[in-house]
């Protein structure tokens, strides 16, 4: 194999450390190191020297230890094998992160359990090239952004979950108000991670939490927002929940002229005009309240639809156990051969076709389909960065790696969501 005459960096901008592929070097080899780079020469597993920016000649005058390890003679060009590693010292401020699964926390203000997601980005710089190479990179051929997120995923996810939980639980901050503290949370997380990354020769330049949110399609979130909307409406009009229930009850009684509640409405009007009806009013009002409380304590039997007390387990009319859970008996069939499938299977036991489970109805989605043929829901998208399933169709960022899922047409600038390959506005092919 020919001896290399010139060694220089050929890696991409998103690569932090890159190994020169050829190890056949020789004395007088020219080692070129660009600005914001450092080169490290390894021989027999030992780091000989660190070269800063500029042009360096590999000879015994520049590297005295090289003659001792390689046993080079003077006065001639001598071949030897060694590894050259280039380390990128430039700042990289666009490393994405995100929580892979929601954090389940109880909101201290509304006392309901809500799922929370968080995502953001952070920036690093290789501060000590030799320490990073020895303690972290090892024998890998390339060390890039993906390697950083994989290596430190456990660190930042643990710190993120712990810090957000502390702000919500210990400081009694509502989940719906947590975004007002993003700067504080970001600084707290940075201070917790700086020392750990420093042990590997990496400087944490910045750590940002861009958003802390709750899934809009979660049932608990929907109920909470509906309740808050209702309360805001009551505050604007000027009444509370107990008054609203009273209004609904009296309105229902007034619309039924044959009931005692309907009669009491007329009696109440008489009282307002000063008509003395004494004990009659008292007895009718007591009857009204008794009927109201009786209706509140009733429930319907799921089997025969009879009215029974809400605390009663068995129906007195048909004997049905009201605690019986209703199971979903919808059969799952293989989209290829029609054989019956179990939700815990991964492949069809009859034809061996892969079971592509629909997250909505558990039905088998045929390969290449974009819509589930059973429930007509869209098939989850794939993240172009890490390949993770995007379950929520409204997500604009991947919960696994934080990559943006929204595209912009380079021709007309239209924002495009989904997996479209061409712009619907101008027809331009999307990258």
Protein backbone atom coordinates (compact mmCIF):
# COMPACT_ATOMS: atom_id res chain seq x y z
CA UNK A 1 0.00 0.00 0.00
CA UNK A 2 1.30 3.46 -0.91
CA UNK A 3 2.54 5.74 1.81
CA UNK A 4 0.26 8.76 2.40
CA UNK A 5 1.89 12.12 1.56
CA UNK A 6 -0.86 14.51 2.70
CA UNK A 7 -3.40 13.97 5.48
CA UNK A 8 -6.36 16.34 5.80
CA UNK A 9 -9.92 16.43 7.17
CA UNK A 10 -12.66 15.29 4.78
CA UNK A 11 -15.61 14.88 7.20
CA UNK A 12 -18.92 16.76 7.33
CA UNK A 13 -19.77 19.80 9.48
CA UNK A 14 -22.01 17.79 11.82
CA UNK A 15 -19.18 15.37 12.72
CA UNK A 16 -17.29 15.96 15.98
CA UNK A 17 -14.51 13.39 15.51
CA UNK A 18 -13.35 11.63 12.32
CA UNK A 19 -10.67 8.99 11.75
CA UNK A 20 -8.48 9.29 8.66
CA UNK A 21 -9.11 6.00 6.78
CA UNK A 22 -5.49 5.25 5.80
CA UNK A 23 -2.98 4.24 8.50
CA UNK A 24 0.08 3.83 6.20
CA UNK A 25 2.05 7.00 6.97
CA UNK A 26 5.66 7.98 6.70
CA UNK A 27 8.14 10.55 7.91
CA UNK A 28 7.77 13.89 6.11
CA UNK A 29 4.00 13.30 5.70
CA UNK A 30 2.17 16.65 5.61
CA UNK A 31 -0.57 16.89 8.24
CA UNK A 32 -3.02 19.73 7.44
CA UNK A 33 -5.26 20.96 10.28
CA UNK A 34 -7.88 23.63 9.55
CA UNK A 35 -9.09 26.37 11.90
CA UNK A 36 -11.43 25.12 14.69
CA UNK A 37 -9.86 21.65 14.36
CA UNK A 38 -7.31 19.57 16.23
CA UNK A 39 -5.55 16.39 15.07
CA UNK A 40 -4.36 13.58 17.36
CA UNK A 41 -1.76 11.00 16.30
CA UNK A 42 -2.18 7.50 17.80
CA UNK A 43 0.45 4.76 17.64
CA UNK A 44 -0.05 1.32 19.27
CA UNK A 45 -3.06 2.61 21.15
CA UNK A 46 -1.21 5.61 22.63
CA UNK A 47 -1.87 9.28 21.89
CA UNK A 48 1.49 10.76 20.80
CA UNK A 49 0.63 14.40 20.33
CA UNK A 50 -2.16 16.92 19.65
CA UNK A 51 -1.73 19.19 16.59
CA UNK A 52 -3.48 22.56 16.35
CA UNK A 53 -4.38 24.44 13.14
CA UNK A 54 -1.70 24.73 10.45
CA UNK A 55 0.58 22.48 8.32
CA UNK A 56 2.70 19.94 10.25
CA UNK A 57 5.45 17.62 9.00
CA UNK A 58 5.66 14.22 10.69
CA UNK A 59 9.36 13.77 11.47
CA UNK A 60 11.51 13.01 14.49
CA UNK A 61 12.33 16.67 15.00
CA UNK A 62 8.67 17.58 15.50
CA UNK A 63 7.71 14.38 17.33
CA UNK A 64 10.70 13.13 19.38
CA UNK A 65 8.65 10.33 20.92
CA UNK A 66 7.89 8.99 17.43
CA UNK A 67 11.47 7.72 16.91
CA UNK A 68 11.39 5.79 20.17
CA UNK A 69 8.07 4.05 19.37
CA UNK A 70 8.63 3.42 15.65
CA UNK A 71 12.45 3.04 15.67
CA UNK A 72 12.95 5.28 12.64
CA UNK A 73 16.44 5.70 11.14
CA UNK A 74 17.83 9.15 10.40
CA UNK A 75 18.31 10.59 6.93
CA UNK A 76 15.58 8.83 4.95
CA UNK A 77 11.85 8.52 4.45
CA UNK A 78 10.57 5.71 6.68
CA UNK A 79 7.08 4.16 6.57
CA UNK A 80 5.09 3.36 9.70
CA UNK A 81 1.44 2.71 10.66
CA UNK A 82 -0.44 5.15 12.85
CA UNK A 83 -3.96 6.54 13.30
CA UNK A 84 -4.82 10.18 12.71
CA UNK A 85 -7.98 11.53 14.32
CA UNK A 86 -9.47 14.94 13.52
CA UNK A 87 -11.58 16.62 16.22
CA UNK A 88 -14.00 19.41 15.32
CA UNK A 89 -13.71 22.17 17.95
CA UNK A 90 -16.47 24.37 16.50
CA UNK A 91 -19.68 25.08 18.42
CA UNK A 92 -22.74 23.03 17.48
CA UNK A 93 -25.89 24.64 18.92
CA UNK A 94 -28.56 22.61 17.11
CA UNK A 95 -28.63 19.17 18.75
CA UNK A 96 -32.30 18.21 19.19
CA UNK A 97 -33.75 16.31 22.16
CA UNK A 98 -37.24 15.22 23.23
CA UNK A 99 -39.05 12.99 25.71
CA UNK A 100 -39.86 9.67 24.05
CA UNK A 101 -42.92 9.05 26.26
CA UNK A 102 -45.17 11.46 28.23
CA UNK A 103 -44.47 12.12 31.92
CA UNK A 104 -47.56 11.36 34.04
CA UNK A 105 -47.93 14.04 36.76
CA UNK A 106 -50.75 15.27 38.98
CA UNK A 107 -51.54 18.93 38.42
CA UNK A 108 -51.29 20.64 41.85
CA UNK A 109 -53.89 23.26 40.95
CA UNK A 110 -56.62 21.07 39.44
CA UNK A 111 -55.70 17.69 41.06
CA UNK A 112 -55.93 15.72 37.81
CA UNK A 113 -53.27 13.48 36.25
CA UNK A 114 -51.99 14.84 32.94
CA UNK A 115 -49.40 13.53 30.44
CA UNK A 116 -46.57 15.99 29.75
CA UNK A 117 -44.13 16.11 26.84
CA UNK A 118 -41.03 18.31 26.50
CA UNK A 119 -38.52 18.99 23.74
CA UNK A 120 -35.75 21.43 22.90
CA UNK A 121 -32.14 21.66 21.79
CA UNK A 122 -28.66 22.04 23.25
CA UNK A 123 -25.21 23.10 22.09
CA UNK A 124 -21.78 21.60 22.81
CA UNK A 125 -18.10 22.06 21.99
CA UNK A 126 -15.28 19.50 22.24
CA UNK A 127 -13.12 21.29 24.81
CA UNK A 128 -10.46 18.63 25.59
CA UNK A 129 -9.83 16.58 22.45
CA UNK A 130 -7.55 14.02 24.05
CA UNK A 131 -9.86 13.35 27.02
CA UNK A 132 -12.88 13.02 24.72
CA UNK A 133 -11.05 10.58 22.46
CA UNK A 134 -9.81 8.36 25.29
CA UNK A 135 -12.87 8.36 27.58
CA UNK A 136 -15.77 8.54 25.10
CA UNK A 137 -15.01 7.97 21.42
CA UNK A 138 -12.65 5.01 21.74
CA UNK A 139 -12.36 3.00 18.53
CA UNK A 140 -15.45 4.29 16.72
CA UNK A 141 -14.70 5.44 13.14
CA UNK A 142 -17.00 8.52 13.44
CA UNK A 143 -18.47 10.53 16.34
CA UNK A 144 -21.41 12.75 15.23
CA UNK A 145 -24.65 14.37 16.49
CA UNK A 146 -26.51 11.07 16.57
CA UNK A 147 -23.76 9.56 18.72
CA UNK A 148 -24.03 12.47 21.18
CA UNK A 149 -27.83 12.12 21.56
CA UNK A 150 -27.54 8.33 21.95
CA UNK A 151 -24.71 8.51 24.52
CA UNK A 152 -26.30 11.19 26.70
CA UNK A 153 -29.98 10.36 26.17
CA UNK A 154 -30.31 8.74 29.59
CA UNK A 155 -28.65 11.77 31.22
CA UNK A 156 -30.79 14.55 29.76
CA UNK A 157 -34.08 12.60 29.94
CA UNK A 158 -33.52 11.84 33.64
CA UNK A 159 -32.60 15.45 34.42
CA UNK A 160 -35.52 16.83 32.37
CA UNK A 161 -38.13 14.60 34.05
CA UNK A 162 -36.72 15.31 37.53
CA UNK A 163 -36.58 19.09 37.02
CA UNK A 164 -40.05 19.43 35.49
CA UNK A 165 -41.54 17.24 38.23
CA UNK A 166 -39.85 19.39 40.88
CA UNK A 167 -41.26 22.61 39.43
CA UNK A 168 -44.78 21.20 39.16
CA UNK A 169 -44.99 19.25 42.44
CA UNK A 170 -42.62 21.03 44.84
CA UNK A 171 -43.22 24.59 43.62
CA UNK A 172 -46.96 23.95 43.05
CA UNK A 173 -47.00 25.25 39.47
CA UNK A 174 -49.86 24.14 37.22
CA UNK A 175 -49.00 22.14 34.11
CA UNK A 176 -50.91 24.68 32.03
CA UNK A 177 -48.72 27.50 33.40
CA UNK A 178 -45.31 25.76 33.30
CA UNK A 179 -44.23 27.41 30.02
CA UNK A 180 -43.85 30.69 31.92
CA UNK A 181 -40.79 29.14 33.64
CA UNK A 182 -38.91 27.83 30.56
CA UNK A 183 -35.88 30.11 31.11
CA UNK A 184 -35.50 29.01 34.75
CA UNK A 185 -35.92 25.33 33.87
CA UNK A 186 -33.37 25.62 31.02
CA UNK A 187 -30.76 27.21 33.30
CA UNK A 188 -31.37 24.62 36.02
CA UNK A 189 -30.92 21.76 33.54
CA UNK A 190 -27.74 23.28 32.13
CA UNK A 191 -26.18 23.57 35.61
CA UNK A 192 -27.02 19.91 36.34
CA UNK A 193 -25.45 18.60 33.12
CA UNK A 194 -22.31 20.76 32.78
CA UNK A 195 -20.20 18.77 35.20
CA UNK A 196 -21.14 15.36 33.76
CA UNK A 197 -20.30 16.35 30.18
CA UNK A 198 -17.08 18.01 31.38
CA UNK A 199 -15.82 14.62 32.58
CA UNK A 200 -15.70 13.54 28.91
CA UNK A 201 -13.96 16.68 27.63
CA UNK A 202 -17.20 18.20 26.30
CA UNK A 203 -18.33 21.73 27.14
CA UNK A 204 -22.09 22.29 27.37
CA UNK A 205 -22.56 25.70 25.73
CA UNK A 206 -26.35 25.95 26.14
CA UNK A 207 -29.37 23.84 27.00
CA UNK A 208 -32.85 25.02 25.98
CA UNK A 209 -36.33 23.71 26.75
CA UNK A 210 -38.39 25.01 23.82
CA UNK A 211 -41.79 23.75 24.93
CA UNK A 212 -43.55 21.77 27.65
CA UNK A 213 -46.99 20.67 26.48
CA UNK A 214 -49.83 18.21 26.99
CA UNK A 215 -51.28 16.09 24.12
CA UNK A 216 -54.40 17.85 22.82
CA UNK A 217 -56.18 14.53 22.12
CA UNK A 218 -55.76 13.11 25.65
CA UNK A 219 -59.13 12.58 27.39
CA UNK A 220 -57.99 14.14 30.70
CA UNK A 221 -56.72 17.24 28.89
CA UNK A 222 -59.98 17.59 26.93
CA UNK A 223 -62.10 17.34 30.10
CA UNK A 224 -59.93 19.84 31.97
CA UNK A 225 -60.05 22.41 29.16
CA UNK A 226 -63.82 22.00 28.85
CA UNK A 227 -64.19 22.58 32.60
CA UNK A 228 -61.96 25.66 32.49
CA UNK A 229 -63.93 27.03 29.54
CA UNK A 230 -67.19 26.50 31.44
CA UNK A 231 -65.83 28.18 34.56
CA UNK A 232 -64.66 31.18 32.53
CA UNK A 233 -68.15 31.47 31.05
CA UNK A 234 -69.70 31.41 34.55
CA UNK A 235 -67.26 34.07 35.79
CA UNK A 236 -68.16 36.35 32.88
CA UNK A 237 -71.92 35.95 33.37
CA UNK A 238 -71.67 36.08 37.17
CA UNK A 239 -72.90 32.78 38.69
CA UNK A 240 -71.40 29.55 40.07
CA UNK A 241 -71.89 25.82 39.49
CA UNK A 242 -74.41 25.35 42.34
CA UNK A 243 -76.55 28.20 40.99
CA UNK A 244 -76.42 26.73 37.49
CA UNK A 245 -77.65 23.34 38.79
CA UNK A 246 -80.49 25.09 40.63
CA UNK A 247 -81.47 26.97 37.46
CA UNK A 248 -81.49 23.72 35.45
CA UNK A 249 -83.65 21.97 38.07
CA UNK A 250 -86.21 24.78 38.28
CA UNK A 251 -86.31 25.08 34.49
CA UNK A 252 -87.06 21.36 34.20
CA UNK A 253 -89.81 21.60 36.82
CA UNK A 254 -91.41 24.58 35.11
CA UNK A 255 -91.66 22.72 31.79
CA UNK A 256 -93.65 19.86 33.45
CA UNK A 257 -97.08 21.37 34.48
CA UNK A 258 -98.38 18.06 35.95
CA UNK A 259 -95.58 17.62 38.47
CA UNK A 260 -95.43 18.96 41.99
CA UNK A 261 -92.32 20.89 40.91
CA UNK A 262 -94.46 22.70 38.31
CA UNK A 263 -97.05 23.57 40.91
CA UNK A 264 -94.45 24.92 43.31
CA UNK A 265 -93.29 27.38 40.66
CA UNK A 266 -96.69 29.04 40.77
CA UNK A 267 -96.67 28.92 44.55
CA UNK A 268 -93.25 30.60 44.59
CA UNK A 269 -94.63 33.42 42.49
CA UNK A 270 -97.43 33.80 45.01
CA UNK A 271 -94.92 34.04 47.82
CA UNK A 272 -93.11 36.76 45.92
CA UNK A 273 -96.38 38.77 45.82
CA UNK A 274 -96.95 38.38 49.57
CA UNK A 275 -99.58 35.64 49.38
CA UNK A 276 -99.57 33.68 52.68
CA UNK A 277 -99.77 29.98 52.03
CA UNK A 278 -98.02 28.82 55.24
CA UNK A 279 -97.49 25.11 55.61
CA UNK A 280 -98.57 24.33 52.03
CA UNK A 281 -95.49 26.06 50.65
CA UNK A 282 -93.26 24.32 53.17
CA UNK A 283 -94.59 20.83 52.39
CA UNK A 284 -94.49 21.31 48.62
CA UNK A 285 -90.96 22.72 48.76
CA UNK A 286 -89.87 19.75 50.88
CA UNK A 287 -91.43 17.42 48.31
CA UNK A 288 -89.57 19.21 45.52
CA UNK A 289 -86.20 18.80 47.25
CA UNK A 290 -86.95 15.15 48.03
CA UNK A 291 -87.73 14.42 44.37
CA UNK A 292 -84.57 16.20 43.26
CA UNK A 293 -82.38 14.17 45.64
CA UNK A 294 -84.10 10.94 44.56
CA UNK A 295 -83.33 11.65 40.90
CA UNK A 296 -79.69 12.43 41.72
CA UNK A 297 -79.25 9.06 43.48
CA UNK A 298 -80.60 7.01 40.55
CA UNK A 299 -78.84 5.16 37.72
CA UNK A 300 -79.96 3.01 34.78
CA UNK A 301 -79.50 -0.76 34.61
CA UNK A 302 -77.37 -1.48 31.48
CA UNK A 303 -79.37 -4.68 30.84
CA UNK A 304 -83.06 -3.75 31.29
CA UNK A 305 -82.82 0.07 31.61
CA UNK A 306 -84.67 0.08 34.96
CA UNK A 307 -84.10 2.87 37.50
CA UNK A 308 -82.02 1.63 40.47
CA UNK A 309 -80.14 3.29 43.33
CA UNK A 310 -76.65 4.40 42.22
CA UNK A 311 -75.02 2.48 45.12
CA UNK A 312 -76.83 -0.79 44.22
CA UNK A 313 -74.71 -3.42 42.50
CA UNK A 314 -77.42 -5.88 41.31
CA UNK A 315 -80.58 -4.79 39.46
CA UNK A 316 -83.76 -5.63 41.43
CA UNK A 317 -85.72 -6.17 38.19
CA UNK A 318 -83.41 -8.52 36.18
CA UNK A 319 -80.57 -9.32 38.62
CA UNK A 320 -77.85 -7.92 36.32
CA UNK A 321 -74.45 -7.19 37.94
CA UNK A 322 -73.81 -3.51 37.16
CA UNK A 323 -70.08 -3.91 37.92
CA UNK A 324 -69.64 -6.18 34.88
CA UNK A 325 -67.17 -4.68 32.44
CA UNK A 326 -68.23 -4.53 28.80
CA UNK A 327 -65.44 -5.96 26.64
CA UNK A 328 -64.76 -5.02 23.05
CA UNK A 329 -65.49 -8.18 21.03
CA UNK A 330 -64.43 -6.83 17.64
CA UNK A 331 -62.51 -9.55 15.81
CA UNK A 332 -59.12 -8.76 14.28
CA UNK A 333 -58.51 -10.34 10.88
CA UNK A 334 -55.32 -10.67 8.85
CA UNK A 335 -55.43 -8.24 5.88
CA UNK A 336 -53.68 -10.86 3.70
CA UNK A 337 -55.50 -14.18 4.38
CA UNK A 338 -58.39 -13.22 6.68
CA UNK A 339 -57.25 -15.44 9.58
CA UNK A 340 -58.21 -14.39 13.11
CA UNK A 341 -55.44 -12.52 14.95
CA UNK A 342 -54.72 -11.88 18.63
CA UNK A 343 -53.60 -8.34 19.66
CA UNK A 344 -50.38 -9.74 21.18
CA UNK A 345 -49.19 -11.38 17.91
CA UNK A 346 -46.58 -9.86 15.58
CA UNK A 347 -47.18 -12.16 12.59
CA UNK A 348 -50.20 -14.03 11.17
CA UNK A 349 -50.11 -17.71 12.31
CA UNK A 350 -51.64 -18.83 8.98
CA UNK A 351 -49.73 -16.96 6.26
CA UNK A 352 -46.84 -15.38 8.22
CA UNK A 353 -47.74 -11.85 7.06
CA UNK A 354 -46.59 -9.11 9.48
CA UNK A 355 -49.34 -7.75 11.77
CA UNK A 356 -49.31 -3.96 11.36
CA UNK A 357 -51.42 -2.94 14.36
CA UNK A 358 -53.59 0.16 14.02
CA UNK A 359 -53.09 2.30 17.18
CA UNK A 360 -56.78 3.26 17.12
CA UNK A 361 -58.78 0.02 16.50
CA UNK A 362 -55.99 -2.65 16.61
CA UNK A 363 -56.95 -3.77 13.09
CA UNK A 364 -54.34 -5.13 10.62
CA UNK A 365 -53.23 -2.38 8.21
CA UNK A 366 -52.05 -3.64 4.77
CA UNK A 367 -48.49 -2.78 3.74
CA UNK A 368 -48.30 0.60 2.02
CA UNK A 369 -51.76 1.74 3.16
CA UNK A 370 -52.08 5.34 4.37
CA UNK A 371 -55.51 4.87 6.02
CA UNK A 372 -56.74 2.02 8.25
CA UNK A 373 -59.43 0.12 6.27
CA UNK A 374 -61.40 -0.61 9.47
CA UNK A 375 -61.57 2.66 11.44
CA UNK A 376 -60.52 4.95 8.53
CA UNK A 377 -57.90 6.67 10.73
CA UNK A 378 -54.62 7.81 9.09
CA UNK A 379 -51.62 5.48 9.48
CA UNK A 380 -48.98 6.97 11.86
CA UNK A 381 -46.19 8.86 10.12
CA UNK A 382 -42.51 7.96 10.38
CA UNK A 383 -39.99 10.52 11.63
CA UNK A 384 -37.50 11.22 8.79
CA UNK A 385 -34.73 11.58 11.38
CA UNK A 386 -34.98 8.52 13.65
CA UNK A 387 -37.82 6.46 12.10
CA UNK A 388 -40.06 6.60 15.21
CA UNK A 389 -43.87 6.42 14.78
CA UNK A 390 -45.64 9.79 14.99
CA UNK A 391 -48.94 8.73 16.64
CA UNK A 392 -50.44 12.19 17.07
CA UNK A 393 -51.15 13.63 13.63
CA UNK A 394 -50.97 17.20 15.00
CA UNK A 395 -47.39 16.82 16.31
CA UNK A 396 -44.98 19.28 14.69
CA UNK A 397 -41.85 17.80 16.33
CA UNK A 398 -40.69 14.22 16.85
CA UNK A 399 -40.99 13.21 20.53
CA UNK A 400 -38.00 10.85 20.14
CA UNK A 401 -35.35 13.07 18.55
CA UNK A 402 -37.02 16.53 18.42
CA UNK A 403 -36.75 16.89 14.61
CA UNK A 404 -39.24 19.28 12.97
CA UNK A 405 -41.99 17.45 11.05
CA UNK A 406 -43.16 20.56 9.20
CA UNK A 407 -41.74 21.18 5.73
CA UNK A 408 -41.51 24.43 3.80
CA UNK A 409 -41.48 24.63 0.04
CA UNK A 410 -38.20 26.16 -1.15
CA UNK A 411 -39.98 27.66 -4.17
CA UNK A 412 -43.15 29.34 -2.81
CA UNK A 413 -42.54 29.12 0.96
CA UNK A 414 -45.80 27.27 1.73
CA UNK A 415 -45.83 25.28 5.00
CA UNK A 416 -46.61 21.59 4.32
CA UNK A 417 -47.41 18.95 6.93
CA UNK A 418 -47.38 15.19 6.39
CA UNK A 419 -45.39 13.01 3.99
CA UNK A 420 -46.09 14.91 0.75
CA UNK A 421 -43.26 14.75 -1.77
CA UNK A 422 -44.51 17.67 -3.90
CA UNK A 423 -45.83 21.12 -2.94
CA UNK A 424 -49.63 21.30 -3.48
CA UNK A 425 -49.33 25.03 -4.24
CA UNK A 426 -46.66 25.15 -6.95
CA UNK A 427 -45.80 21.48 -7.59
CA UNK A 428 -42.16 21.89 -6.55
CA UNK A 429 -40.46 18.66 -5.39
CA UNK A 430 -39.76 18.75 -1.66
CA UNK A 431 -36.39 17.80 -0.21
